[in-house]
C-alpha atoms as a PDB file:
ATOM      1  CA  UNK A   1      -6.285  16.057  19.363  1.00  0.00           C
ATOM      2  CA  UNK A   2      -4.241  14.151  22.055  1.00  0.00           C
ATOM      3  CA  UNK A   3      -1.217  11.817  20.707  1.00  0.00           C
ATOM      4  CA  UNK A   4      -0.589   8.867  22.516  1.00  0.00           C
ATOM      5  CA  UNK A   5       2.665   6.718  22.325  1.00  0.00           C
ATOM      6  CA  UNK A   6       2.896   3.159  23.683  1.00  0.00           C
ATOM      7  CA  UNK A   7       5.771   0.921  24.324  1.00  0.00           C
ATOM      8  CA  UNK A   8       4.455  -2.591  24.600  1.00  0.00           C
ATOM      9  CA  UNK A   9       5.729  -5.428  26.296  1.00  0.00           C
ATOM     10  CA  UNK A  10       4.644  -8.997  27.362  1.00  0.00           C
ATOM     11  CA  UNK A  11       4.035  -7.785  30.587  1.00  0.00           C
ATOM     12  CA  UNK A  12       3.253  -4.073  30.761  1.00  0.00           C
ATOM     13  CA  UNK A  13       2.793  -1.189  28.604  1.00  0.00           C
ATOM     14  CA  UNK A  14       4.225   2.004  29.207  1.00  0.00           C
ATOM     15  CA  UNK A  15       2.149   4.867  28.182  1.00  0.00           C
ATOM     16  CA  UNK A  16       3.444   8.547  26.788  1.00  0.00           C
ATOM     17  CA  UNK A  17       0.482  11.014  26.451  1.00  0.00           C
ATOM     18  CA  UNK A  18       0.746  14.949  24.484  1.00  0.00           C
ATOM     19  CA  UNK A  19      -1.492  17.492  24.115  1.00  0.00           C
ATOM     20  CA  UNK A  20      -2.087  19.337  20.905  1.00  0.00           C
ATOM     21  CA  UNK A  21       1.135  21.716  21.562  1.00  0.00           C
ATOM     22  CA  UNK A  22       3.338  18.605  21.897  1.00  0.00           C
ATOM     23  CA  UNK A  23       3.637  18.703  25.883  1.00  0.00           C
ATOM     24  CA  UNK A  24       3.792  15.521  27.850  1.00  0.00           C
ATOM     25  CA  UNK A  25       0.765  15.660  30.104  1.00  0.00           C
ATOM     26  CA  UNK A  26       0.446  12.137  31.655  1.00  0.00           C
ATOM     27  CA  UNK A  27       2.545   8.905  31.798  1.00  0.00           C
ATOM     28  CA  UNK A  28       1.363   5.268  32.924  1.00  0.00           C
ATOM     29  CA  UNK A  29       2.514   2.055  33.308  1.00  0.00           C
ATOM     30  CA  UNK A  30      -0.158  -0.671  32.632  1.00  0.00           C
ATOM     31  CA  UNK A  31      -0.100  -3.998  32.930  1.00  0.00           C
ATOM     32  CA  UNK A  32      -2.679  -5.312  31.308  1.00  0.00           C
ATOM     33  CA  UNK A  33      -4.668  -5.000  28.042  1.00  0.00           C
ATOM     34  CA  UNK A  34      -7.821  -4.275  30.029  1.00  0.00           C
ATOM     35  CA  UNK A  35      -6.553  -1.804  32.038  1.00  0.00           C
ATOM     36  CA  UNK A  36      -4.906  -0.100  28.950  1.00  0.00           C
ATOM     37  CA  UNK A  37      -7.952   0.222  26.777  1.00  0.00           C
ATOM     38  CA  UNK A  38      -9.936   1.294  30.002  1.00  0.00           C
ATOM     39  CA  UNK A  39      -7.476   4.401  30.547  1.00  0.00           C
ATOM     40  CA  UNK A  40      -7.448   5.143  26.764  1.00  0.00           C
ATOM     41  CA  UNK A  41     -11.528   5.054  26.935  1.00  0.00           C
ATOM     42  CA  UNK A  42     -11.518   8.106  29.506  1.00  0.00           C
ATOM     43  CA  UNK A  43      -9.351  10.120  26.699  1.00  0.00           C
ATOM     44  CA  UNK A  44     -10.717  12.599  24.669  1.00  0.00           C
ATOM     45  CA  UNK A  45     -10.070  12.670  20.821  1.00  0.00           C
ATOM     46  CA  UNK A  46      -6.858  10.667  20.399  1.00  0.00           C
ATOM     47  CA  UNK A  47      -4.436   9.375  17.819  1.00  0.00           C
ATOM     48  CA  UNK A  48      -1.837   6.337  19.511  1.00  0.00           C
ATOM     49  CA  UNK A  49       1.239   4.726  17.925  1.00  0.00           C
ATOM     50  CA  UNK A  50       3.423   1.758  18.670  1.00  0.00           C
ATOM     51  CA  UNK A  51       5.822  -0.468  17.190  1.00  0.00           C
ATOM     52  CA  UNK A  52       5.006  -3.779  15.299  1.00  0.00           C
ATOM     53  CA  UNK A  53       6.315  -6.844  16.876  1.00  0.00           C
ATOM     54  CA  UNK A  54       4.512 -10.293  17.895  1.00  0.00           C
ATOM     55  CA  UNK A  55       0.382  -9.738  18.049  1.00  0.00           C
ATOM     56  CA  UNK A  56       0.726  -6.470  16.514  1.00  0.00           C
ATOM     57  CA  UNK A  57      -2.654  -6.918  14.331  1.00  0.00           C
ATOM     58  CA  UNK A  58      -5.237  -7.826  17.167  1.00  0.00           C
ATOM     59  CA  UNK A  59      -3.663  -5.141  19.425  1.00  0.00           C
ATOM     60  CA  UNK A  60      -4.114  -2.808  15.740  1.00  0.00           C
ATOM     61  CA  UNK A  61      -7.565  -4.123  15.939  1.00  0.00           C
ATOM     62  CA  UNK A  62      -8.267  -3.389  19.831  1.00  0.00           C
ATOM     63  CA  UNK A  63      -7.180   0.164  19.648  1.00  0.00           C
ATOM     64  CA  UNK A  64      -8.956   0.827  16.356  1.00  0.00           C
ATOM     65  CA  UNK A  65     -12.367   0.452  18.412  1.00  0.00           C
ATOM     66  CA  UNK A  66     -11.362   3.374  20.930  1.00  0.00           C
ATOM     67  CA  UNK A  67      -8.903   5.537  18.799  1.00  0.00           C
ATOM     68  CA  UNK A  68      -9.487   8.172  16.438  1.00  0.00           C
ATOM     69  CA  UNK A  69      -6.356   7.092  14.808  1.00  0.00           C
ATOM     70  CA  UNK A  70      -3.880   4.246  15.177  1.00  0.00           C
ATOM     71  CA  UNK A  71      -0.431   4.029  13.532  1.00  0.00           C
ATOM     72  CA  UNK A  72       1.874   1.210  13.704  1.00  0.00           C
ATOM     73  CA  UNK A  73       5.539   1.897  13.306  1.00  0.00           C
ATOM     74  CA  UNK A  74       8.375   0.009  11.562  1.00  0.00           C
ATOM     75  CA  UNK A  75      11.049  -0.920  14.318  1.00  0.00           C
ATOM     76  CA  UNK A  76      14.100  -1.005  11.814  1.00  0.00           C
ATOM     77  CA  UNK A  77      13.498   2.348  10.721  1.00  0.00           C
ATOM     78  CA  UNK A  78      12.504   3.352  14.094  1.00  0.00           C
ATOM     79  CA  UNK A  79      16.131   2.550  15.079  1.00  0.00           C
ATOM     80  CA  UNK A  80      17.368   4.327  12.052  1.00  0.00           C
ATOM     81  CA  UNK A  81      15.629   7.683  13.278  1.00  0.00           C
ATOM     82  CA  UNK A  82      16.673   7.566  16.814  1.00  0.00           C
ATOM     83  CA  UNK A  83      20.311   6.477  17.161  1.00  0.00           C
ATOM     84  CA  UNK A  84      20.457   6.847  20.908  1.00  0.00           C
ATOM     85  CA  UNK A  85      22.626   5.492  23.742  1.00  0.00           C
ATOM     86  CA  UNK A  86      19.852   6.378  26.071  1.00  0.00           C
ATOM     87  CA  UNK A  87      17.119   3.893  25.903  1.00  0.00           C
ATOM     88  CA  UNK A  88      14.505   2.741  27.941  1.00  0.00           C
ATOM     89  CA  UNK A  89      10.928   2.162  28.242  1.00  0.00           C
ATOM     90  CA  UNK A  90       9.442   5.765  29.022  1.00  0.00           C
ATOM     91  CA  UNK A  91      12.129   7.530  26.404  1.00  0.00           C
ATOM     92  CA  UNK A  92      10.525   4.930  23.963  1.00  0.00           C
ATOM     93  CA  UNK A  93       6.863   5.779  24.329  1.00  0.00           C
ATOM     94  CA  UNK A  94       7.809   9.609  24.291  1.00  0.00           C
ATOM     95  CA  UNK A  95       9.368   9.581  21.112  1.00  0.00           C
ATOM     96  CA  UNK A  96       6.830   7.349  19.755  1.00  0.00           C
ATOM     97  CA  UNK A  97       4.317  10.194  20.869  1.00  0.00           C
ATOM     98  CA  UNK A  98       6.646  12.973  19.382  1.00  0.00           C
ATOM     99  CA  UNK A  99       6.593  11.221  16.032  1.00  0.00           C
ATOM    100  CA  UNK A 100       3.080  10.756  15.775  1.00  0.00           C
ATOM    101  CA  UNK A 101       2.929  14.581  16.613  1.00  0.00           C
ATOM    102  CA  UNK A 102       5.000  15.855  13.857  1.00  0.00           C
ATOM    103  CA  UNK A 103       3.612  13.053  11.469  1.00  0.00           C
ATOM    104  CA  UNK A 104       7.140  11.136  11.073  1.00  0.00           C
ATOM    105  CA  UNK A 105       5.992   7.830  11.959  1.00  0.00           C
ATOM    106  CA  UNK A 106       7.316   5.086   9.423  1.00  0.00           C
ATOM    107  CA  UNK A 107       4.643   2.905   9.295  1.00  0.00           C
ATOM    108  CA  UNK A 108       3.656  -0.788   8.327  1.00  0.00           C
ATOM    109  CA  UNK A 109       0.976  -1.843   6.818  1.00  0.00           C
ATOM    110  CA  UNK A 110      -1.651  -4.234   8.848  1.00  0.00           C
ATOM    111  CA  UNK A 111      -3.091  -6.631   7.096  1.00  0.00           C
ATOM    112  CA  UNK A 112      -6.902  -8.297   8.039  1.00  0.00           C
ATOM    113  CA  UNK A 113      -6.871 -10.945  10.631  1.00  0.00           C
ATOM    114  CA  UNK A 114      -7.746 -13.293   7.709  1.00  0.00           C
ATOM    115  CA  UNK A 115      -4.495 -12.432   5.428  1.00  0.00           C
ATOM    116  CA  UNK A 116      -2.602 -12.507   8.577  1.00  0.00           C
ATOM    117  CA  UNK A 117      -3.445 -16.145   9.616  1.00  0.00           C
ATOM    118  CA  UNK A 118      -2.768 -17.293   5.906  1.00  0.00           C
ATOM    119  CA  UNK A 119       0.411 -15.747   6.413  1.00  0.00           C
ATOM    120  CA  UNK A 120       1.159 -17.527   9.410  1.00  0.00           C
ATOM    121  CA  UNK A 121       0.487 -20.961   7.606  1.00  0.00           C
ATOM    122  CA  UNK A 122       2.658 -20.495   4.923  1.00  0.00           C
ATOM    123  CA  UNK A 123       5.114 -19.314   7.168  1.00  0.00           C
ATOM    124  CA  UNK A 124       4.252 -22.377   9.045  1.00  0.00           C
ATOM    125  CA  UNK A 125       4.348 -25.040   6.310  1.00  0.00           C
ATOM    126  CA  UNK A 126       7.861 -23.454   5.429  1.00  0.00           C
ATOM    127  CA  UNK A 127       8.941 -24.406   9.034  1.00  0.00           C
ATOM    128  CA  UNK A 128       8.000 -27.640   8.491  1.00  0.00           C
ATOM    129  CA  UNK A 129       9.466 -28.519   5.570  1.00  0.00           C
ATOM    130  CA  UNK A 130      12.917 -27.225   6.899  1.00  0.00           C
ATOM    131  CA  UNK A 131      12.341 -29.683   9.940  1.00  0.00           C
ATOM    132  CA  UNK A 132      11.976 -32.502   7.797  1.00  0.00           C
ATOM    133  CA  UNK A 133      14.693 -31.695   5.652  1.00  0.00           C
ATOM    134  CA  UNK A 134      16.842 -31.471   8.960  1.00  0.00           C
ATOM    135  CA  UNK A 135      15.526 -35.351   9.623  1.00  0.00           C
ATOM    136  CA  UNK A 136      16.341 -36.520   5.845  1.00  0.00           C
ATOM    137  CA  UNK A 137      19.895 -34.835   6.518  1.00  0.00           C
ATOM    138  CA  UNK A 138      20.197 -37.173   9.668  1.00  0.00           C
ATOM    139  CA  UNK A 139      19.133 -40.235   8.374  1.00  0.00           C
ATOM    140  CA  UNK A 140      21.695 -39.592   5.203  1.00  0.00           C
ATOM    141  CA  UNK A 141      24.396 -39.122   7.723  1.00  0.00           C
ATOM    142  CA  UNK A 142      23.348 -41.860   9.573  1.00  0.00           C
ATOM    143  CA  UNK A 143      23.812 -44.391   6.445  1.00  0.00           C
ATOM    144  CA  UNK A 144      26.946 -43.041   5.592  1.00  0.00           C
ATOM    145  CA  UNK A 145      28.248 -43.712   9.285  1.00  0.00           C
ATOM    146  CA  UNK A 146      27.742 -47.483   8.917  1.00  0.00           C
ATOM    147  CA  UNK A 147      28.882 -47.316   5.101  1.00  0.00           C
ATOM    148  CA  UNK A 148      25.473 -48.081   3.794  1.00  0.00           C
ATOM    149  CA  UNK A 149      24.446 -46.504   0.258  1.00  0.00           C
ATOM    150  CA  UNK A 150      20.907 -46.177  -0.531  1.00  0.00           C
ATOM    151  CA  UNK A 151      19.647 -47.704  -3.893  1.00  0.00           C
ATOM    152  CA  UNK A 152      19.003 -44.890  -6.616  1.00  0.00           C
ATOM    153  CA  UNK A 153      15.679 -46.589  -7.140  1.00  0.00           C
ATOM    154  CA  UNK A 154      13.103 -46.492  -5.934  1.00  0.00           C
ATOM    155  CA  UNK A 155      13.653 -42.716  -4.510  1.00  0.00           C
ATOM    156  CA  UNK A 156      14.999 -42.913  -0.279  1.00  0.00           C
ATOM    157  CA  UNK A 157      11.499 -40.877   0.447  1.00  0.00           C
ATOM    158  CA  UNK A 158       8.999 -42.823  -1.626  1.00  0.00           C
ATOM    159  CA  UNK A 159       6.848 -45.410   0.217  1.00  0.00           C
ATOM    160  CA  UNK A 160       9.105 -48.346  -1.199  1.00  0.00           C
ATOM    161  CA  UNK A 161      12.131 -46.532  -0.170  1.00  0.00           C
ATOM    162  CA  UNK A 162      10.922 -45.829   3.622  1.00  0.00           C
ATOM    163  CA  UNK A 163       9.955 -49.318   3.469  1.00  0.00           C
ATOM    164  CA  UNK A 164      13.241 -50.652   2.490  1.00  0.00           C
ATOM    165  CA  UNK A 165      15.226 -48.293   5.249  1.00  0.00           C
ATOM    166  CA  UNK A 166      12.755 -49.486   7.971  1.00  0.00           C
ATOM    167  CA  UNK A 167      14.123 -53.248   6.654  1.00  0.00           C
ATOM    168  CA  UNK A 168      17.243 -52.203   6.885  1.00  0.00           C
ATOM    169  CA  UNK A 169      19.824 -54.381   9.505  1.00  0.00           C
ATOM    170  CA  UNK A 170      21.936 -52.540  11.743  1.00  0.00           C
ATOM    171  CA  UNK A 171      24.502 -54.108  13.569  1.00  0.00           C
ATOM    172  CA  UNK A 172      24.287 -51.670  16.612  1.00  0.00           C
ATOM    173  CA  UNK A 173      20.856 -51.386  18.032  1.00  0.00           C
ATOM    174  CA  UNK A 174      20.974 -48.057  18.958  1.00  0.00           C
ATOM    175  CA  UNK A 175      21.550 -46.905  15.271  1.00  0.00           C
ATOM    176  CA  UNK A 176      18.664 -48.379  14.992  1.00  0.00           C
ATOM    177  CA  UNK A 177      16.701 -47.193  17.432  1.00  0.00           C
ATOM    178  CA  UNK A 178      17.716 -43.847  15.732  1.00  0.00           C
ATOM    179  CA  UNK A 179      16.629 -44.835  12.464  1.00  0.00           C
ATOM    180  CA  UNK A 180      13.240 -45.676  13.452  1.00  0.00           C
ATOM    181  CA  UNK A 181      13.045 -42.341  15.477  1.00  0.00           C
ATOM    182  CA  UNK A 182      14.148 -40.450  12.007  1.00  0.00           C
ATOM    183  CA  UNK A 183      11.690 -42.078  10.070  1.00  0.00           C
ATOM    184  CA  UNK A 184       8.736 -41.406  12.240  1.00  0.00           C
ATOM    185  CA  UNK A 185       9.346 -38.187  12.565  1.00  0.00           C
ATOM    186  CA  UNK A 186       9.784 -37.762   8.452  1.00  0.00           C
ATOM    187  CA  UNK A 187       6.332 -39.575   8.294  1.00  0.00           C
ATOM    188  CA  UNK A 188       4.523 -37.313  10.789  1.00  0.00           C
ATOM    189  CA  UNK A 189       5.950 -34.320   9.237  1.00  0.00           C
ATOM    190  CA  UNK A 190       5.105 -35.466   5.778  1.00  0.00           C
ATOM    191  CA  UNK A 191       1.606 -35.851   6.938  1.00  0.00           C
ATOM    192  CA  UNK A 192       1.448 -32.616   8.854  1.00  0.00           C
ATOM    193  CA  UNK A 193       2.526 -30.985   5.605  1.00  0.00           C
ATOM    194  CA  UNK A 194      -0.325 -32.568   3.467  1.00  0.00           C
ATOM    195  CA  UNK A 195      -2.516 -31.064   5.608  1.00  0.00           C
ATOM    196  CA  UNK A 196      -1.340 -27.759   5.710  1.00  0.00           C
ATOM    197  CA  UNK A 197      -1.330 -27.853   1.919  1.00  0.00           C
ATOM    198  CA  UNK A 198      -4.601 -29.080   1.201  1.00  0.00           C
ATOM    199  CA  UNK A 199      -6.110 -26.284   3.713  1.00  0.00           C
ATOM    200  CA  UNK A 200      -3.967 -23.696   1.971  1.00  0.00           C
ATOM    201  CA  UNK A 201      -5.007 -25.089  -1.423  1.00  0.00           C
ATOM    202  CA  UNK A 202      -8.957 -24.782   0.054  1.00  0.00           C
ATOM    203  CA  UNK A 203      -8.101 -21.187   0.778  1.00  0.00           C
ATOM    204  CA  UNK A 204      -6.658 -20.049  -2.253  1.00  0.00           C
ATOM    205  CA  UNK A 205      -9.790 -21.268  -3.794  1.00  0.00           C
ATOM    206  CA  UNK A 206     -11.519 -18.409  -2.432  1.00  0.00           C
ATOM    207  CA  UNK A 207      -9.018 -15.949  -4.076  1.00  0.00           C
ATOM    208  CA  UNK A 208      -9.067 -15.952  -7.784  1.00  0.00           C
ATOM    209  CA  UNK A 209      -5.898 -13.659  -8.348  1.00  0.00           C
ATOM    210  CA  UNK A 210      -4.106 -16.845  -6.859  1.00  0.00           C
ATOM    211  CA  UNK A 211      -4.805 -18.544 -10.038  1.00  0.00           C
ATOM    212  CA  UNK A 212      -4.299 -15.197 -12.235  1.00  0.00           C
ATOM    213  CA  UNK A 213      -0.786 -15.129 -11.212  1.00  0.00           C
ATOM    214  CA  UNK A 214      -0.381 -19.181 -12.063  1.00  0.00           C
ATOM    215  CA  UNK A 215      -0.548 -18.078 -15.560  1.00  0.00           C
ATOM    216  CA  UNK A 216       3.026 -17.266 -15.935  1.00  0.00           C
ATOM    217  CA  UNK A 217       4.849 -20.567 -16.923  1.00  0.00           C
ATOM    218  CA  UNK A 218       6.864 -22.354 -13.620  1.00  0.00           C
ATOM    219  CA  UNK A 219       4.711 -20.321 -11.165  1.00  0.00           C
ATOM    220  CA  UNK A 220       2.883 -22.620  -8.966  1.00  0.00           C
ATOM    221  CA  UNK A 221       0.412 -22.817  -6.183  1.00  0.00           C
ATOM    222  CA  UNK A 222       2.479 -22.206  -3.495  1.00  0.00           C
ATOM    223  CA  UNK A 223       4.760 -19.159  -5.215  1.00  0.00           C
ATOM    224  CA  UNK A 224       1.080 -17.430  -6.192  1.00  0.00           C
ATOM    225  CA  UNK A 225      -0.659 -17.657  -2.693  1.00  0.00           C
ATOM    226  CA  UNK A 226       2.446 -16.236  -1.325  1.00  0.00           C
ATOM    227  CA  UNK A 227       2.998 -13.136  -3.293  1.00  0.00           C
ATOM    228  CA  UNK A 228      -0.846 -12.746  -2.848  1.00  0.00           C
ATOM    229  CA  UNK A 229      -0.891 -12.983   0.920  1.00  0.00           C
ATOM    230  CA  UNK A 230       2.112 -10.775   1.590  1.00  0.00           C
ATOM    231  CA  UNK A 231       1.389  -8.126  -0.884  1.00  0.00           C
ATOM    232  CA  UNK A 232      -2.067  -7.970   0.072  1.00  0.00           C
ATOM    233  CA  UNK A 233      -3.438  -4.868  -1.171  1.00  0.00           C
ATOM    234  CA  UNK A 234      -1.127  -4.464  -4.259  1.00  0.00           C
ATOM    235  CA  UNK A 235      -2.495  -0.750  -4.497  1.00  0.00           C
ATOM    236  CA  UNK A 236      -0.483   0.491  -1.345  1.00  0.00           C
ATOM    237  CA  UNK A 237       3.041   0.441  -3.300  1.00  0.00           C
ATOM    238  CA  UNK A 238       3.582   3.629  -5.160  1.00  0.00           C
ATOM    239  CA  UNK A 239       5.666   1.630  -7.968  1.00  0.00           C
ATOM    240  CA  UNK A 240       7.714  -1.298  -8.922  1.00  0.00           C
ATOM    241  CA  UNK A 241      10.646  -0.581  -7.263  1.00  0.00           C
ATOM    242  CA  UNK A 242       8.851  -0.246  -3.667  1.00  0.00           C
ATOM    243  CA  UNK A 243       7.905  -4.077  -4.462  1.00  0.00           C
ATOM    244  CA  UNK A 244      11.279  -5.138  -4.697  1.00  0.00           C
ATOM    245  CA  UNK A 245      12.720  -3.405  -2.121  1.00  0.00           C
ATOM    246  CA  UNK A 246       9.529  -4.973   0.358  1.00  0.00           C
ATOM    247  CA  UNK A 247      10.801  -8.470   0.023  1.00  0.00           C
ATOM    248  CA  UNK A 248      14.461  -7.521   0.418  1.00  0.00           C
ATOM    249  CA  UNK A 249      15.547  -8.258  -3.341  1.00  0.00           C
ATOM    250  CA  UNK A 250      17.311  -4.882  -3.803  1.00  0.00           C
ATOM    251  CA  UNK A 251      21.327  -4.191  -3.006  1.00  0.00           C
ATOM    252  CA  UNK A 252      22.132  -2.907  -0.612  1.00  0.00           C
ATOM    253  CA  UNK A 253      23.811   0.825  -1.128  1.00  0.00           C
ATOM    254  CA  UNK A 254      26.256   3.035   0.235  1.00  0.00           C
ATOM    255  CA  UNK A 255      26.826   6.307  -1.614  1.00  0.00           C
ATOM    256  CA  UNK A 256      28.492   9.446  -1.140  1.00  0.00           C
ATOM    257  CA  UNK A 257      29.889  11.950  -3.484  1.00  0.00           C
ATOM    258  CA  UNK A 258      31.086  10.013  -6.645  1.00  0.00           C
ATOM    259  CA  UNK A 259      31.197   6.650  -5.216  1.00  0.00           C
ATOM    260  CA  UNK A 260      28.166   4.331  -5.359  1.00  0.00           C
ATOM    261  CA  UNK A 261      29.095   0.927  -3.631  1.00  0.00           C
ATOM    262  CA  UNK A 262      26.086  -1.570  -4.188  1.00  0.00           C
ATOM    263  CA  UNK A 263      26.341  -4.813  -1.850  1.00  0.00           C
ATOM    264  CA  UNK A 264      23.963  -8.030  -1.061  1.00  0.00           C
ATOM    265  CA  UNK A 265      20.219  -7.711  -1.122  1.00  0.00           C
ATOM    266  CA  UNK A 266      18.888  -6.230   1.655  1.00  0.00           C
ATOM    267  CA  UNK A 267      16.922  -9.306   2.416  1.00  0.00           C
ATOM    268  CA  UNK A 268      14.025  -7.282   4.276  1.00  0.00           C
ATOM    269  CA  UNK A 269      10.273  -8.572   4.487  1.00  0.00           C
ATOM    270  CA  UNK A 270       9.560 -12.460   4.253  1.00  0.00           C
ATOM    271  CA  UNK A 271      12.062 -15.110   3.747  1.00  0.00           C
ATOM    272  CA  UNK A 272       9.492 -17.400   2.413  1.00  0.00           C
ATOM    273  CA  UNK A 273       8.335 -15.182  -0.570  1.00  0.00           C
ATOM    274  CA  UNK A 274      11.854 -14.906  -1.565  1.00  0.00           C
ATOM    275  CA  UNK A 275      12.462 -18.528  -1.424  1.00  0.00           C
ATOM    276  CA  UNK A 276      10.092 -19.185  -3.570  1.00  0.00           C
ATOM    277  CA  UNK A 277      10.316 -16.679  -6.332  1.00  0.00           C
ATOM    278  CA  UNK A 278      13.931 -18.234  -6.539  1.00  0.00           C
ATOM    279  CA  UNK A 279      12.320 -21.804  -7.004  1.00  0.00           C
ATOM    280  CA  UNK A 280       9.829 -20.564  -9.491  1.00  0.00           C
ATOM    281  CA  UNK A 281      12.655 -18.759 -11.312  1.00  0.00           C
ATOM    282  CA  UNK A 282      13.877 -21.993 -12.168  1.00  0.00           C
ATOM    283  CA  UNK A 283      10.693 -23.307 -13.384  1.00  0.00           C
ATOM    284  CA  UNK A 284      10.148 -20.197 -15.487  1.00  0.00           C
ATOM    285  CA  UNK A 285      13.541 -20.222 -17.320  1.00  0.00           C
ATOM    286  CA  UNK A 286      12.733 -23.672 -18.302  1.00  0.00           C
ATOM    287  CA  UNK A 287       9.101 -22.810 -19.617  1.00  0.00           C
ATOM    288  CA  UNK A 288       9.025 -19.388 -20.493  1.00  0.00           C
ATOM    289  CA  UNK A 289      10.930 -18.000 -23.534  1.00  0.00           C
ATOM    290  CA  UNK A 290      10.119 -14.347 -21.906  1.00  0.00           C
ATOM    291  CA  UNK A 291      11.395 -15.379 -18.511  1.00  0.00           C
ATOM    292  CA  UNK A 292      14.641 -17.288 -19.852  1.00  0.00           C
ATOM    293  CA  UNK A 293      15.670 -13.767 -22.198  1.00  0.00           C
ATOM    294  CA  UNK A 294      15.657 -11.776 -19.057  1.00  0.00           C
ATOM    295  CA  UNK A 295      17.960 -14.480 -17.258  1.00  0.00           C
ATOM    296  CA  UNK A 296      20.173 -14.750 -20.071  1.00  0.00           C
ATOM    297  CA  UNK A 297      20.823 -11.142 -20.463  1.00  0.00           C
ATOM    298  CA  UNK A 298      21.676 -10.781 -16.872  1.00  0.00           C
ATOM    299  CA  UNK A 299      23.775 -13.720 -16.605  1.00  0.00           C
ATOM    300  CA  UNK A 300      26.121 -12.328 -19.980  1.00  0.00           C
ATOM    301  CA  UNK A 301      27.039 -15.747 -20.678  1.00  0.00           C
ATOM    302  CA  UNK A 302      29.208 -15.588 -17.355  1.00  0.00           C
ATOM    303  CA  UNK A 303      28.740 -19.217 -15.247  1.00  0.00           C
ATOM    304  CA  UNK A 304      29.755 -16.455 -12.160  1.00  0.00           C
ATOM    305  CA  UNK A 305      27.109 -14.292 -12.539  1.00  0.00           C
ATOM    306  CA  UNK A 306      24.380 -17.155 -12.191  1.00  0.00           C
ATOM    307  CA  UNK A 307      23.306 -16.419  -8.739  1.00  0.00           C
ATOM    308  CA  UNK A 308      23.435 -12.669  -9.486  1.00  0.00           C
ATOM    309  CA  UNK A 309      20.850 -13.691 -12.985  1.00  0.00           C
ATOM    310  CA  UNK A 310      18.629 -15.527 -10.676  1.00  0.00           C
ATOM    311  CA  UNK A 311      18.129 -12.663  -7.814  1.00  0.00           C
ATOM    312  CA  UNK A 312      17.720 -10.487 -10.256  1.00  0.00           C
ATOM    313  CA  UNK A 313      15.111 -12.401 -12.530  1.00  0.00           C
ATOM    314  CA  UNK A 314      13.093 -13.324  -8.790  1.00  0.00           C
ATOM    315  CA  UNK A 315      12.947  -9.049  -8.620  1.00  0.00           C
ATOM    316  CA  UNK A 316      11.481  -9.447 -12.108  1.00  0.00           C
ATOM    317  CA  UNK A 317       9.350 -12.284 -11.275  1.00  0.00           C
ATOM    318  CA  UNK A 318       7.994  -9.716  -8.118  1.00  0.00           C
ATOM    319  CA  UNK A 319       7.729  -6.769 -10.002  1.00  0.00           C
ATOM    320  CA  UNK A 320       5.646  -8.248 -12.824  1.00  0.00           C
ATOM    321  CA  UNK A 321       3.698 -10.295 -10.478  1.00  0.00           C
ATOM    322  CA  UNK A 322       2.328  -7.000  -8.662  1.00  0.00           C
ATOM    323  CA  UNK A 323       1.757  -5.344 -11.609  1.00  0.00           C
ATOM    324  CA  UNK A 324      -0.761  -8.223 -12.670  1.00  0.00           C
ATOM    325  CA  UNK A 325      -2.553  -8.202  -9.430  1.00  0.00           C
ATOM    326  CA  UNK A 326      -2.702  -4.320  -9.582  1.00  0.00           C
ATOM    327  CA  UNK A 327      -4.122  -3.954 -13.330  1.00  0.00           C
ATOM    328  CA  UNK A 328      -6.098  -7.517 -13.331  1.00  0.00           C
ATOM    329  CA  UNK A 329      -4.132  -8.663 -16.016  1.00  0.00           C
ATOM    330  CA  UNK A 330      -2.925 -12.333 -16.995  1.00  0.00           C
ATOM    331  CA  UNK A 331       1.006 -13.093 -18.375  1.00  0.00           C
ATOM    332  CA  UNK A 332       1.913 -12.414 -21.765  1.00  0.00           C
ATOM    333  CA  UNK A 333       5.107 -13.794 -23.639  1.00  0.00           C
ATOM    334  CA  UNK A 334       6.985 -10.938 -24.604  1.00  0.00           C
ATOM    335  CA  UNK A 335      10.696 -11.444 -25.146  1.00  0.00           C
ATOM    336  CA  UNK A 336      11.513  -8.241 -26.809  1.00  0.00           C
ATOM    337  CA  UNK A 337       9.934  -6.595 -23.759  1.00  0.00           C
ATOM    338  CA  UNK A 338      11.962  -8.561 -21.606  1.00  0.00           C
ATOM    339  CA  UNK A 339      15.273  -7.911 -23.410  1.00  0.00           C
ATOM    340  CA  UNK A 340      14.900  -4.060 -23.652  1.00  0.00           C
END
């Protein structure tokens, strides 16, 4: 068995090949993916390793056709393993090959092409909403700059509210132009968000487990579909704590001897999932006695602990959703279990 390390870049790929004794027998710098696949096809049985980056999924599928085993390495954990001031592409490829030979590669999960596109569309919706929010903030800033207070009813972002905004007279034509462009941007982005959400809803109908997670009071379609897409296979997590770490909902830890310092959450994983879980917490606290009891236990009647309680409850919801997907169960209201 040969062991191949790849340092992949957009314009070239550095290749390092080790033999069964862990010795370097060949190095190559290949410019195109076709050259890489042609080179690998001429090798006898081999395993290959590369770092996860943009486009890691399609490369995994291409390499799986020619390699006996394909391993995708976690780039953040690799940086912890190799803390070296001497770094370049040839050394990186060799290090990947050696880690593969030793069986010490920190791996990442590679979902199917369908799940990857699902995740990308979920993230794309989040970016559309963020862009629309910036445009709305631009409108509010414009109105403040000219001393105009929008009416409380109808809402400014409703159809009637936008009609009021379009009919507003500005003394300066440049301000009117900015208003027109911002309103057009908001309407165009709203139409795009609606189109994306319709497609996501249609796609979610092919995954019954999305509806299963919606049995939790306060958890809507957007949160459920994001959890299903990013968890993918719930059986790949050995325990519930791994789920919290995967979504970056566990605190940073600095422990030495008798000192154990816990800091802010790590914020690893998908930010869109953490955002949706926090939104779901506020709804679940109002609609579920179980979640409310858990939230209040973490808050300890201290207003300064509200953020801590929200994040802790989001962590709790993530673990519960994982267990529901793993066991194929629905939500059960058990206030005593949550408060224990």
